[in-house]
Amino acid sequence: PMSFTFVLIHNSEPEPEPAPSPALPLPSHGSPEDRGRADAYYWRSPAPHYYDAQEGRVERPGMTPAQIAAYLKGYRSETDRKDWGAY
């Protein structure tokens, strides 16, 4: 017959708090990257645009190549998707 002995070691020191992971900066609300992420999250097809405080919605013809690239970066990098549930 085999026998086992278990020893419980109690440490009175509290566990140290884990170091917070560095948060990635979020794109500003309404920016091309933010709008790309939102479109992907809500399962919408890509349609580059952003919101400007003075002009309102700015669509692809009024965007620079860098703004379009930022929109597409946001669209492609969003990994979460809205779960609409069962209706």
C-alpha atoms as a PDB file:
ATOM      1  CA  PRO A   1       0.000   0.000   0.000  1.00  0.00           C
ATOM      2  CA  MET A   2       1.146   3.512  -0.843  1.00  0.00           C
ATOM      3  CA  SER A   3       0.847   6.406   1.548  1.00  0.00           C
ATOM      4  CA  PHE A   4       1.078  10.120   0.864  1.00  0.00           C
ATOM      5  CA  THR A   5       1.863  13.005   3.116  1.00  0.00           C
ATOM      6  CA  PHE A   6       0.643  16.471   2.180  1.00  0.00           C
ATOM      7  CA  VAL A   7       2.176  19.554   3.675  1.00  0.00           C
ATOM      8  CA  LEU A   8       0.314  22.830   3.434  1.00  0.00           C
ATOM      9  CA  ILE A   9       2.584  25.828   3.505  1.00  0.00           C
ATOM     10  CA  HIS A  10       0.883  29.037   4.524  1.00  0.00           C
ATOM     11  CA  ASN A  11       2.401  32.287   3.385  1.00  0.00           C
ATOM     12  CA  SER A  12       1.261  35.232   5.486  1.00  0.00           C
ATOM     13  CA  GLU A  13       2.515  37.692   2.880  1.00  0.00           C
ATOM     14  CA  PRO A  14      -0.291  38.944   0.614  1.00  0.00           C
ATOM     15  CA  GLU A  15       0.047  38.257  -3.080  1.00  0.00           C
ATOM     16  CA  PRO A  16       1.472  41.284  -4.865  1.00  0.00           C
ATOM     17  CA  GLU A  17      -0.912  43.089  -7.198  1.00  0.00           C
ATOM     18  CA  PRO A  18      -0.110  42.360 -10.836  1.00  0.00           C
ATOM     19  CA  ALA A  19       1.395  45.265 -12.692  1.00  0.00           C
ATOM     20  CA  PRO A  20      -1.176  46.918 -14.934  1.00  0.00           C
ATOM     21  CA  SER A  21      -0.630  46.188 -18.570  1.00  0.00           C
ATOM     22  CA  PRO A  22       0.081  49.289 -20.608  1.00  0.00           C
ATOM     23  CA  ALA A  23      -3.109  50.335 -22.355  1.00  0.00           C
ATOM     24  CA  LEU A  24      -2.955  50.984 -26.031  1.00  0.00           C
ATOM     25  CA  PRO A  25      -4.099  54.485 -26.844  1.00  0.00           C
ATOM     26  CA  LEU A  26      -7.561  54.537 -28.356  1.00  0.00           C
ATOM     27  CA  PRO A  27      -8.153  56.556 -31.497  1.00  0.00           C
ATOM     28  CA  SER A  28     -10.027  59.789 -30.861  1.00  0.00           C
ATOM     29  CA  HIS A  29     -13.790  59.580 -31.207  1.00  0.00           C
ATOM     30  CA  GLY A  30     -14.918  60.290 -34.756  1.00  0.00           C
ATOM     31  CA  SER A  31     -11.431  59.874 -36.257  1.00  0.00           C
ATOM     32  CA  PRO A  32     -10.984  57.748 -39.374  1.00  0.00           C
ATOM     33  CA  GLU A  33      -9.495  54.881 -37.343  1.00  0.00           C
ATOM     34  CA  ASP A  34     -12.295  55.088 -34.757  1.00  0.00           C
ATOM     35  CA  ARG A  35     -14.966  54.981 -37.485  1.00  0.00           C
ATOM     36  CA  GLY A  36     -13.244  52.015 -39.147  1.00  0.00           C
ATOM     37  CA  ARG A  37     -13.219  50.110 -35.873  1.00  0.00           C
ATOM     38  CA  ALA A  38     -16.888  50.932 -35.296  1.00  0.00           C
ATOM     39  CA  ASP A  39     -17.911  49.786 -38.770  1.00  0.00           C
ATOM     40  CA  ALA A  40     -16.134  46.460 -38.291  1.00  0.00           C
ATOM     41  CA  TYR A  41     -17.588  46.018 -34.777  1.00  0.00           C
ATOM     42  CA  TYR A  42     -21.137  46.509 -36.039  1.00  0.00           C
ATOM     43  CA  TRP A  43     -20.589  44.183 -39.042  1.00  0.00           C
ATOM     44  CA  ARG A  44     -20.886  47.014 -41.589  1.00  0.00           C
ATOM     45  CA  SER A  45     -19.069  46.924 -44.919  1.00  0.00           C
ATOM     46  CA  PRO A  46     -15.998  49.168 -45.113  1.00  0.00           C
ATOM     47  CA  ALA A  47     -16.887  52.696 -46.253  1.00  0.00           C
ATOM     48  CA  PRO A  48     -14.106  55.135 -45.310  1.00  0.00           C
ATOM     49  CA  HIS A  49     -15.362  58.234 -43.507  1.00  0.00           C
ATOM     50  CA  TYR A  50     -14.826  60.260 -40.350  1.00  0.00           C
ATOM     51  CA  TYR A  51     -16.531  63.057 -38.444  1.00  0.00           C
ATOM     52  CA  ASP A  52     -15.245  66.618 -38.341  1.00  0.00           C
ATOM     53  CA  ALA A  53     -16.554  69.096 -35.750  1.00  0.00           C
ATOM     54  CA  GLN A  54     -17.189  71.775 -38.385  1.00  0.00           C
ATOM     55  CA  GLU A  55     -17.965  69.736 -41.515  1.00  0.00           C
ATOM     56  CA  GLY A  56     -19.792  66.760 -40.007  1.00  0.00           C
ATOM     57  CA  ARG A  57     -19.438  63.469 -41.850  1.00  0.00           C
ATOM     58  CA  VAL A  58     -16.557  63.450 -44.355  1.00  0.00           C
ATOM     59  CA  GLU A  59     -16.640  60.584 -46.844  1.00  0.00           C
ATOM     60  CA  ARG A  60     -13.939  59.028 -49.017  1.00  0.00           C
ATOM     61  CA  PRO A  61     -13.802  61.735 -51.761  1.00  0.00           C
ATOM     62  CA  GLY A  62     -12.933  64.349 -49.127  1.00  0.00           C
ATOM     63  CA  MET A  63     -10.336  62.227 -47.334  1.00  0.00           C
ATOM     64  CA  THR A  64      -6.568  62.155 -47.749  1.00  0.00           C
ATOM     65  CA  PRO A  65      -4.785  58.866 -48.524  1.00  0.00           C
ATOM     66  CA  ALA A  66      -3.466  58.868 -44.921  1.00  0.00           C
ATOM     67  CA  GLN A  67      -7.004  59.218 -43.522  1.00  0.00           C
ATOM     68  CA  ILE A  68      -8.261  56.381 -45.727  1.00  0.00           C
ATOM     69  CA  ALA A  69      -5.330  54.230 -44.576  1.00  0.00           C
ATOM     70  CA  ALA A  70      -6.176  55.039 -40.925  1.00  0.00           C
ATOM     71  CA  TYR A  71      -9.808  54.040 -41.504  1.00  0.00           C
ATOM     72  CA  LEU A  72      -8.765  50.735 -43.106  1.00  0.00           C
ATOM     73  CA  LYS A  73      -6.253  50.097 -40.319  1.00  0.00           C
ATOM     74  CA  GLY A  74      -9.043  50.505 -37.760  1.00  0.00           C
ATOM     75  CA  TYR A  75     -11.415  48.325 -39.780  1.00  0.00           C
ATOM     76  CA  ARG A  76      -8.862  45.523 -40.178  1.00  0.00           C
ATOM     77  CA  SER A  77      -7.568  45.640 -36.615  1.00  0.00           C
ATOM     78  CA  GLU A  78     -10.924  45.399 -34.818  1.00  0.00           C
ATOM     79  CA  THR A  79     -11.206  41.869 -33.431  1.00  0.00           C
ATOM     80  CA  ASP A  80     -14.434  42.234 -31.449  1.00  0.00           C
ATOM     81  CA  ARG A  81     -17.831  42.010 -33.129  1.00  0.00           C
ATOM     82  CA  LYS A  82     -21.282  42.960 -31.875  1.00  0.00           C
ATOM     83  CA  ASP A  83     -23.306  39.935 -30.827  1.00  0.00           C
ATOM     84  CA  TRP A  84     -26.832  40.787 -31.918  1.00  0.00           C
ATOM     85  CA  GLY A  85     -28.205  37.678 -30.201  1.00  0.00           C
ATOM     86  CA  ALA A  86     -31.101  35.657 -31.533  1.00  0.00           C
ATOM     87  CA  TYR A  87     -34.124  37.630 -32.681  1.00  0.00           C
END
